[in-house]
Structures are given as C-alpha cells and as structure tokens.
Amino acid sequence: QDPFVSLDQEGVGELIRIAVERGRKTRPGIKLGICGEHGGDPASIGFCEKAGLDYVSCSPFRVPIARLAAAQAAVRESASSSAMGGA
C-alpha cells in the first residue's frame, strides 16, 4: 500500500500507539488525532479508533467516506467491547 495514503500500521502505527500511551499517561485529557490523507483512508481510520485517537481530519472530498469508516470502526469497537464483557 502507498504509505502516503494508508498508515504503515506496523511501523508508524507502533509509534502512534507509544505516543498515545505516553501522552495520556502525562496528560490524561489530551486530545489526539491525525490530519491529512491518512485521515480519509478507511483502513487508517479503523487503526486510529483502535489506537485510541480522538479524531481524524482529511480533505473535504474524503469526508463522506471518512465519516462512514469512522462510524463503522466505532460500531466494531463497541461490538468487540460488548462481546468481551465491557461497556
């Protein structure tokens, strides 16, 4: 996949997970997100949901698919949490 369109979830993704963990440990209420083309890529949006980011931002023409992908990721996360006995 093109790294300028979709996040490298193993390499860059690990750095994002580390940043989220350390950022929230230092400042629990911090808002974290990404912007740019990655914010409009459905696979990247799903990853961001799992990684604990609060938002994604993308170019206007990608907003419809980004909104759909974000909603799908939230539903998957909620269903997964419910199946595991979470909230």
PDB file of N, CA and C in Angstrom:
ATOM      1  N   GLN A   1       0.832  -1.198   0.000  1.00  0.00           N
ATOM      2  CA  GLN A   1       0.000   0.000   0.000  1.00  0.00           C
ATOM      3  C   GLN A   1       0.869   1.252   0.000  1.00  0.00           C
ATOM      4  N   ASP A   2       0.308   2.297  -0.530  1.00  0.00           N
ATOM      5  CA  ASP A   2       1.011   3.572  -0.617  1.00  0.00           C
ATOM      6  C   ASP A   2       1.099   4.208   0.775  1.00  0.00           C
ATOM      7  N   PRO A   3       2.300   4.395   1.320  1.00  0.00           N
ATOM      8  CA  PRO A   3       2.442   4.960   2.667  1.00  0.00           C
ATOM      9  C   PRO A   3       2.004   6.423   2.769  1.00  0.00           C
ATOM     10  N   PHE A   4       1.764   7.059   1.623  1.00  0.00           N
ATOM     11  CA  PHE A   4       1.283   8.434   1.640  1.00  0.00           C
ATOM     12  C   PHE A   4      -0.239   8.496   1.692  1.00  0.00           C
ATOM     13  N   VAL A   5      -0.889   7.332   1.589  1.00  0.00           N
ATOM     14  CA  VAL A   5      -2.347   7.258   1.615  1.00  0.00           C
ATOM     15  C   VAL A   5      -2.839   6.476   2.827  1.00  0.00           C
ATOM     16  N   SER A   6      -2.186   5.362   3.114  1.00  0.00           N
ATOM     17  CA  SER A   6      -2.605   4.485   4.209  1.00  0.00           C
ATOM     18  C   SER A   6      -1.450   4.314   5.191  1.00  0.00           C
ATOM     19  N   LEU A   7      -1.771   4.396   6.480  1.00  0.00           N
ATOM     20  CA  LEU A   7      -0.733   4.277   7.505  1.00  0.00           C
ATOM     21  C   LEU A   7      -0.057   2.919   7.480  1.00  0.00           C
ATOM     22  N   ASP A   8       1.240   2.918   7.687  1.00  0.00           N
ATOM     23  CA  ASP A   8       2.001   1.688   7.926  1.00  0.00           C
ATOM     24  C   ASP A   8       1.704   1.308   9.373  1.00  0.00           C
ATOM     25  N   GLN A   9       0.773   0.407   9.587  1.00  0.00           N
ATOM     26  CA  GLN A   9       0.285   0.113  10.923  1.00  0.00           C
ATOM     27  C   GLN A   9       1.302  -0.601  11.801  1.00  0.00           C
ATOM     28  N   GLU A  10       2.252  -1.280  11.199  1.00  0.00           N
ATOM     29  CA  GLU A  10       3.282  -1.944  12.000  1.00  0.00           C
ATOM     30  C   GLU A  10       4.351  -0.954  12.460  1.00  0.00           C
ATOM     31  N   GLY A  11       4.875  -0.159  11.546  1.00  0.00           N
ATOM     32  CA  GLY A  11       5.953   0.770  11.875  1.00  0.00           C
ATOM     33  C   GLY A  11       5.453   2.061  12.485  1.00  0.00           C
ATOM     34  N   VAL A  12       4.807   2.876  11.667  1.00  0.00           N
ATOM     35  CA  VAL A  12       4.281   4.159  12.130  1.00  0.00           C
ATOM     36  C   VAL A  12       3.195   3.923  13.189  1.00  0.00           C
ATOM     37  N   GLY A  13       2.415   2.860  13.000  1.00  0.00           N
ATOM     38  CA  GLY A  13       1.364   2.542  13.958  1.00  0.00           C
ATOM     39  C   GLY A  13       1.908   2.315  15.355  1.00  0.00           C
ATOM     40  N   GLU A  14       3.036   1.637  15.456  1.00  0.00           N
ATOM     41  CA  GLU A  14       3.650   1.415  16.763  1.00  0.00           C
ATOM     42  C   GLU A  14       4.052   2.742  17.399  1.00  0.00           C
ATOM     43  N   LEU A  15       4.577   3.652  16.606  1.00  0.00           N
ATOM     44  CA  LEU A  15       4.933   4.977  17.127  1.00  0.00           C
ATOM     45  C   LEU A  15       3.689   5.727  17.610  1.00  0.00           C
ATOM     46  N   ILE A  16       2.591   5.588  16.889  1.00  0.00           N
ATOM     47  CA  ILE A  16       1.342   6.238  17.296  1.00  0.00           C
ATOM     48  C   ILE A  16       0.856   5.652  18.612  1.00  0.00           C
ATOM     49  N   ARG A  17       0.884   4.319  18.738  1.00  0.00           N
ATOM     50  CA  ARG A  17       0.446   3.685  19.992  1.00  0.00           C
ATOM     51  C   ARG A  17       1.305   4.140  21.169  1.00  0.00           C
ATOM     52  N   ILE A  18       2.609   4.230  20.962  1.00  0.00           N
ATOM     53  CA  ILE A  18       3.516   4.709  22.015  1.00  0.00           C
ATOM     54  C   ILE A  18       3.174   6.150  22.383  1.00  0.00           C
ATOM     55  N   ALA A  19       2.951   6.995  21.370  1.00  0.00           N
ATOM     56  CA  ALA A  19       2.632   8.409  21.628  1.00  0.00           C
ATOM     57  C   ALA A  19       1.324   8.546  22.399  1.00  0.00           C
ATOM     58  N   VAL A  20       0.317   7.746  22.032  1.00  0.00           N
ATOM     59  CA  VAL A  20      -0.969   7.797  22.738  1.00  0.00           C
ATOM     60  C   VAL A  20      -0.779   7.376  24.192  1.00  0.00           C
ATOM     61  N   GLU A  21      -0.100   6.275  24.393  1.00  0.00           N
ATOM     62  CA  GLU A  21       0.118   5.767  25.757  1.00  0.00           C
ATOM     63  C   GLU A  21       0.873   6.776  26.622  1.00  0.00           C
ATOM     64  N   ARG A  22       1.977   7.279  26.109  1.00  0.00           N
ATOM     65  CA  ARG A  22       2.793   8.213  26.895  1.00  0.00           C
ATOM     66  C   ARG A  22       2.115   9.564  27.062  1.00  0.00           C
ATOM     67  N   GLY A  23       1.437  10.020  26.014  1.00  0.00           N
ATOM     68  CA  GLY A  23       0.733  11.301  26.103  1.00  0.00           C
ATOM     69  C   GLY A  23      -0.375  11.267  27.132  1.00  0.00           C
ATOM     70  N   ARG A  24      -1.151  10.190  27.147  1.00  0.00           N
ATOM     71  CA  ARG A  24      -2.265  10.071  28.094  1.00  0.00           C
ATOM     72  C   ARG A  24      -1.775   9.835  29.516  1.00  0.00           C
ATOM     73  N   LYS A  25      -0.611   9.195  29.641  1.00  0.00           N
ATOM     74  CA  LYS A  25      -0.048   8.987  30.977  1.00  0.00           C
ATOM     75  C   LYS A  25       0.360  10.336  31.583  1.00  0.00           C
ATOM     76  N   THR A  26       0.916  11.195  30.750  1.00  0.00           N
ATOM     77  CA  THR A  26       1.370  12.506  31.192  1.00  0.00           C
ATOM     78  C   THR A  26       0.222  13.494  31.343  1.00  0.00           C
ATOM     79  N   ARG A  27      -0.713  13.448  30.412  1.00  0.00           N
ATOM     80  CA  ARG A  27      -1.851  14.386  30.411  1.00  0.00           C
ATOM     81  C   ARG A  27      -3.117  13.626  29.989  1.00  0.00           C
ATOM     82  N   PRO A  28      -3.830  13.044  30.943  1.00  0.00           N
ATOM     83  CA  PRO A  28      -4.962  12.164  30.632  1.00  0.00           C
ATOM     84  C   PRO A  28      -6.036  12.757  29.709  1.00  0.00           C
ATOM     85  N   GLY A  29      -6.292  14.035  29.772  1.00  0.00           N
ATOM     86  CA  GLY A  29      -7.344  14.641  28.966  1.00  0.00           C
ATOM     87  C   GLY A  29      -6.923  15.124  27.593  1.00  0.00           C
ATOM     88  N   ILE A  30      -5.688  14.841  27.197  1.00  0.00           N
ATOM     89  CA  ILE A  30      -5.174  15.356  25.928  1.00  0.00           C
ATOM     90  C   ILE A  30      -5.985  14.809  24.745  1.00  0.00           C
ATOM     91  N   LYS A  31      -6.265  15.649  23.779  1.00  0.00           N
ATOM     92  CA  LYS A  31      -6.964  15.247  22.551  1.00  0.00           C
ATOM     93  C   LYS A  31      -5.914  14.935  21.500  1.00  0.00           C
ATOM     94  N   LEU A  32      -5.987  13.754  20.938  1.00  0.00           N
ATOM     95  CA  LEU A  32      -5.003  13.306  19.959  1.00  0.00           C
ATOM     96  C   LEU A  32      -5.687  12.889  18.668  1.00  0.00           C
ATOM     97  N   GLY A  33      -5.071  13.212  17.532  1.00  0.00           N
ATOM     98  CA  GLY A  33      -5.639  12.852  16.245  1.00  0.00           C
ATOM     99  C   GLY A  33      -4.616  12.984  15.144  1.00  0.00           C
ATOM    100  N   ILE A  34      -5.061  12.682  13.934  1.00  0.00           N
ATOM    101  CA  ILE A  34      -4.212  12.842  12.756  1.00  0.00           C
ATOM    102  C   ILE A  34      -4.956  13.682  11.723  1.00  0.00           C
ATOM    103  N   CYS A  35      -4.200  14.261  10.833  1.00  0.00           N
ATOM    104  CA  CYS A  35      -4.823  15.009   9.746  1.00  0.00           C
ATOM    105  C   CYS A  35      -4.080  14.703   8.459  1.00  0.00           C
ATOM    106  N   GLY A  36      -4.713  14.998   7.360  1.00  0.00           N
ATOM    107  CA  GLY A  36      -4.109  14.746   6.057  1.00  0.00           C
ATOM    108  C   GLY A  36      -4.773  13.580   5.366  1.00  0.00           C
ATOM    109  N   GLU A  37      -4.126  13.058   4.353  1.00  0.00           N
ATOM    110  CA  GLU A  37      -4.704  11.972   3.563  1.00  0.00           C
ATOM    111  C   GLU A  37      -4.978  10.733   4.402  1.00  0.00           C
ATOM    112  N   HIS A  38      -4.156  10.475   5.399  1.00  0.00           N
ATOM    113  CA  HIS A  38      -4.377   9.307   6.255  1.00  0.00           C
ATOM    114  C   HIS A  38      -5.703   9.406   6.997  1.00  0.00           C
ATOM    115  N   GLY A  39      -6.142  10.618   7.271  1.00  0.00           N
ATOM    116  CA  GLY A  39      -7.410  10.819   7.972  1.00  0.00           C
ATOM    117  C   GLY A  39      -8.622  10.476   7.132  1.00  0.00           C
ATOM    118  N   GLY A  40      -8.449  10.269   5.855  1.00  0.00           N
ATOM    119  CA  GLY A  40      -9.557   9.912   4.984  1.00  0.00           C
ATOM    120  C   GLY A  40      -9.494   8.485   4.475  1.00  0.00           C
ATOM    121  N   ASP A  41      -8.516   7.730   4.922  1.00  0.00           N
ATOM    122  CA  ASP A  41      -8.349   6.347   4.488  1.00  0.00           C
ATOM    123  C   ASP A  41      -9.069   5.407   5.452  1.00  0.00           C
ATOM    124  N   PRO A  42     -10.041   4.626   4.975  1.00  0.00           N
ATOM    125  CA  PRO A  42     -10.805   3.760   5.871  1.00  0.00           C
ATOM    126  C   PRO A  42      -9.951   2.836   6.746  1.00  0.00           C
ATOM    127  N   ALA A  43      -8.917   2.237   6.194  1.00  0.00           N
ATOM    128  CA  ALA A  43      -8.065   1.351   6.995  1.00  0.00           C
ATOM    129  C   ALA A  43      -7.334   2.130   8.084  1.00  0.00           C
ATOM    130  N   SER A  44      -6.872   3.316   7.750  1.00  0.00           N
ATOM    131  CA  SER A  44      -6.179   4.151   8.732  1.00  0.00           C
ATOM    132  C   SER A  44      -7.135   4.625   9.820  1.00  0.00           C
ATOM    133  N   ILE A  45      -8.368   4.931   9.437  1.00  0.00           N
ATOM    134  CA  ILE A  45      -9.364   5.379  10.411  1.00  0.00           C
ATOM    135  C   ILE A  45      -9.661   4.258  11.404  1.00  0.00           C
ATOM    136  N   GLY A  46      -9.818   3.042  10.905  1.00  0.00           N
ATOM    137  CA  GLY A  46     -10.034   1.906  11.794  1.00  0.00           C
ATOM    138  C   GLY A  46      -8.884   1.722  12.763  1.00  0.00           C
ATOM    139  N   PHE A  47      -7.666   1.869  12.255  1.00  0.00           N
ATOM    140  CA  PHE A  47      -6.495   1.768  13.125  1.00  0.00           C
ATOM    141  C   PHE A  47      -6.515   2.861  14.183  1.00  0.00           C
ATOM    142  N   CYS A  48      -6.831   4.088  13.782  1.00  0.00           N
ATOM    143  CA  CYS A  48      -6.840   5.211  14.725  1.00  0.00           C
ATOM    144  C   CYS A  48      -7.852   4.990  15.845  1.00  0.00           C
ATOM    145  N   GLU A  49      -8.983   4.401  15.516  1.00  0.00           N
ATOM    146  CA  GLU A  49     -10.002   4.078  16.524  1.00  0.00           C
ATOM    147  C   GLU A  49      -9.423   3.090  17.536  1.00  0.00           C
ATOM    148  N   LYS A  50      -8.781   2.049  17.050  1.00  0.00           N
ATOM    149  CA  LYS A  50      -8.192   1.047  17.940  1.00  0.00           C
ATOM    150  C   LYS A  50      -7.048   1.615  18.762  1.00  0.00           C
ATOM    151  N   ALA A  51      -6.287   2.527  18.171  1.00  0.00           N
ATOM    152  CA  ALA A  51      -5.132   3.107  18.860  1.00  0.00           C
ATOM    153  C   ALA A  51      -5.534   4.124  19.924  1.00  0.00           C
ATOM    154  N   GLY A  52      -6.799   4.558  19.894  1.00  0.00           N
ATOM    155  CA  GLY A  52      -7.264   5.488  20.916  1.00  0.00           C
ATOM    156  C   GLY A  52      -7.192   6.950  20.541  1.00  0.00           C
ATOM    157  N   LEU A  53      -7.036   7.243  19.244  1.00  0.00           N
ATOM    158  CA  LEU A  53      -7.045   8.648  18.835  1.00  0.00           C
ATOM    159  C   LEU A  53      -8.464   9.199  18.934  1.00  0.00           C
ATOM    160  N   ASP A  54      -8.574  10.493  19.178  1.00  0.00           N
ATOM    161  CA  ASP A  54      -9.876  11.131  19.362  1.00  0.00           C
ATOM    162  C   ASP A  54     -10.513  11.586  18.058  1.00  0.00           C
ATOM    163  N   TYR A  55      -9.704  11.899  17.060  1.00  0.00           N
ATOM    164  CA  TYR A  55     -10.263  12.424  15.814  1.00  0.00           C
ATOM    165  C   TYR A  55      -9.330  12.184  14.643  1.00  0.00           C
ATOM    166  N   VAL A  56      -9.896  12.262  13.464  1.00  0.00           N
ATOM    167  CA  VAL A  56      -9.127  12.296  12.222  1.00  0.00           C
ATOM    168  C   VAL A  56      -9.627  13.494  11.427  1.00  0.00           C
ATOM    169  N   SER A  57      -8.779  14.043  10.614  1.00  0.00           N
ATOM    170  CA  SER A  57      -9.125  15.186   9.782  1.00  0.00           C
ATOM    171  C   SER A  57      -8.609  14.890   8.380  1.00  0.00           C
ATOM    172  N   CYS A  58      -9.386  15.257   7.373  1.00  0.00           N
ATOM    173  CA  CYS A  58      -8.974  14.964   5.999  1.00  0.00           C
ATOM    174  C   CYS A  58      -9.480  16.052   5.059  1.00  0.00           C
ATOM    175  N   SER A  59      -9.110  15.927   3.799  1.00  0.00           N
ATOM    176  CA  SER A  59      -9.549  16.896   2.803  1.00  0.00           C
ATOM    177  C   SER A  59     -11.053  16.741   2.570  1.00  0.00           C
ATOM    178  N   PRO A  60     -11.721  17.815   2.161  1.00  0.00           N
ATOM    179  CA  PRO A  60     -13.181  17.805   2.024  1.00  0.00           C
ATOM    180  C   PRO A  60     -13.743  16.690   1.150  1.00  0.00           C
ATOM    181  N   PHE A  61     -13.095  16.358   0.054  1.00  0.00           N
ATOM    182  CA  PHE A  61     -13.651  15.338  -0.825  1.00  0.00           C
ATOM    183  C   PHE A  61     -13.616  13.946  -0.200  1.00  0.00           C
ATOM    184  N   ARG A  62     -12.829  13.750   0.854  1.00  0.00           N
ATOM    185  CA  ARG A  62     -12.751  12.452   1.524  1.00  0.00           C
ATOM    186  C   ARG A  62     -13.660  12.361   2.743  1.00  0.00           C
ATOM    187  N   VAL A  63     -14.319  13.449   3.113  1.00  0.00           N
ATOM    188  CA  VAL A  63     -15.147  13.460   4.328  1.00  0.00           C
ATOM    189  C   VAL A  63     -16.256  12.404   4.312  1.00  0.00           C
ATOM    190  N   PRO A  64     -17.030  12.241   3.239  1.00  0.00           N
ATOM    191  CA  PRO A  64     -18.106  11.238   3.300  1.00  0.00           C
ATOM    192  C   PRO A  64     -17.609   9.825   3.616  1.00  0.00           C
ATOM    193  N   ILE A  65     -16.573   9.378   2.948  1.00  0.00           N
ATOM    194  CA  ILE A  65     -16.062   8.029   3.209  1.00  0.00           C
ATOM    195  C   ILE A  65     -15.397   7.964   4.579  1.00  0.00           C
ATOM    196  N   ALA A  66     -14.773   9.058   5.005  1.00  0.00           N
ATOM    197  CA  ALA A  66     -14.147   9.085   6.331  1.00  0.00           C
ATOM    198  C   ALA A  66     -15.202   8.977   7.430  1.00  0.00           C
ATOM    199  N   ARG A  67     -16.318   9.662   7.265  1.00  0.00           N
ATOM    200  CA  ARG A  67     -17.399   9.580   8.259  1.00  0.00           C
ATOM    201  C   ARG A  67     -17.957   8.171   8.337  1.00  0.00           C
ATOM    202  N   LEU A  68     -18.164   7.550   7.192  1.00  0.00           N
ATOM    203  CA  LEU A  68     -18.667   6.182   7.159  1.00  0.00           C
ATOM    204  C   LEU A  68     -17.664   5.226   7.819  1.00  0.00           C
ATOM    205  N   ALA A  69     -16.396   5.354   7.478  1.00  0.00           N
ATOM    206  CA  ALA A  69     -15.369   4.480   8.043  1.00  0.00           C
ATOM    207  C   ALA A  69     -15.241   4.683   9.554  1.00  0.00           C
ATOM    208  N   ALA A  70     -15.348   5.922  10.022  1.00  0.00           N
ATOM    209  CA  ALA A  70     -15.269   6.195  11.461  1.00  0.00           C
ATOM    210  C   ALA A  70     -16.453   5.572  12.192  1.00  0.00           C
ATOM    211  N   ALA A  71     -17.638   5.678  11.619  1.00  0.00           N
ATOM    212  CA  ALA A  71     -18.825   5.078  12.235  1.00  0.00           C
ATOM    213  C   ALA A  71     -18.696   3.557  12.273  1.00  0.00           C
ATOM    214  N   GLN A  72     -18.216   2.963  11.189  1.00  0.00           N
ATOM    215  CA  GLN A  72     -18.040   1.511  11.150  1.00  0.00           C
ATOM    216  C   GLN A  72     -17.006   1.063  12.189  1.00  0.00           C
ATOM    217  N   ALA A  73     -15.924   1.807  12.322  1.00  0.00           N
ATOM    218  CA  ALA A  73     -14.890   1.467  13.304  1.00  0.00           C
ATOM    219  C   ALA A  73     -15.441   1.574  14.724  1.00  0.00           C
ATOM    220  N   ALA A  74     -16.240   2.595  14.991  1.00  0.00           N
ATOM    221  CA  ALA A  74     -16.825   2.763  16.325  1.00  0.00           C
ATOM    222  C   ALA A  74     -17.790   1.625  16.641  1.00  0.00           C
ATOM    223  N   VAL A  75     -18.579   1.219  15.664  1.00  0.00           N
ATOM    224  CA  VAL A  75     -19.518   0.108  15.867  1.00  0.00           C
ATOM    225  C   VAL A  75     -18.745  -1.187  16.119  1.00  0.00           C
ATOM    226  N   ARG A  76     -17.703  -1.439  15.334  1.00  0.00           N
ATOM    227  CA  ARG A  76     -16.886  -2.638  15.542  1.00  0.00           C
ATOM    228  C   ARG A  76     -16.262  -2.638  16.928  1.00  0.00           C
ATOM    229  N   GLU A  77     -15.747  -1.497  17.349  1.00  0.00           N
ATOM    230  CA  GLU A  77     -15.112  -1.380  18.665  1.00  0.00           C
ATOM    231  C   GLU A  77     -16.137  -1.614  19.766  1.00  0.00           C
ATOM    232  N   SER A  78     -17.315  -1.056  19.607  1.00  0.00           N
ATOM    233  CA  SER A  78     -18.378  -1.229  20.592  1.00  0.00           C
ATOM    234  C   SER A  78     -18.819  -2.689  20.671  1.00  0.00           C
ATOM    235  N   ALA A  79     -18.994  -3.316  19.524  1.00  0.00           N
ATOM    236  CA  ALA A  79     -19.402  -4.723  19.486  1.00  0.00           C
ATOM    237  C   ALA A  79     -18.319  -5.607  20.100  1.00  0.00           C
ATOM    238  N   SER A  80     -17.068  -5.312  19.815  1.00  0.00           N
ATOM    239  CA  SER A  80     -15.961  -6.078  20.369  1.00  0.00           C
ATOM    240  C   SER A  80     -15.903  -5.922  21.884  1.00  0.00           C
ATOM    241  N   SER A  81     -16.107  -4.704  22.351  1.00  0.00           N
ATOM    242  CA  SER A  81     -16.089  -4.420  23.781  1.00  0.00           C
ATOM    243  C   SER A  81     -17.245  -5.134  24.485  1.00  0.00           C
ATOM    244  N   SER A  82     -18.427  -5.138  23.873  1.00  0.00           N
ATOM    245  CA  SER A  82     -19.596  -5.804  24.436  1.00  0.00           C
ATOM    246  C   SER A  82     -19.394  -7.319  24.484  1.00  0.00           C
ATOM    247  N   ALA A  83     -18.809  -7.872  23.436  1.00  0.00           N
ATOM    248  CA  ALA A  83     -18.578  -9.323  23.372  1.00  0.00           C
ATOM    249  C   ALA A  83     -17.573  -9.767  24.423  1.00  0.00           C
ATOM    250  N   MET A  84     -16.686  -8.859  24.820  1.00  0.00           N
ATOM    251  CA  MET A  84     -15.669  -9.192  25.814  1.00  0.00           C
ATOM    252  C   MET A  84     -16.140  -8.855  27.228  1.00  0.00           C
ATOM    253  N   GLY A  85     -17.407  -8.474  27.366  1.00  0.00           N
ATOM    254  CA  GLY A  85     -17.938  -8.162  28.687  1.00  0.00           C
ATOM    255  C   GLY A  85     -17.691  -6.746  29.141  1.00  0.00           C
ATOM    256  N   GLY A  86     -17.331  -5.856  28.201  1.00  0.00           N
ATOM    257  CA  GLY A  86     -17.084  -4.441  28.538  1.00  0.00           C
ATOM    258  C   GLY A  86     -18.357  -3.651  28.495  1.00  0.00           C
ATOM    259  N   ALA A  87     -18.207  -2.345  28.484  1.00  0.00           N
ATOM    260  CA  ALA A  87     -19.370  -1.463  28.487  1.00  0.00           C
ATOM    261  C   ALA A  87     -20.122  -1.469  27.200  1.00  0.00           C
TER     262      ALA A  87
END
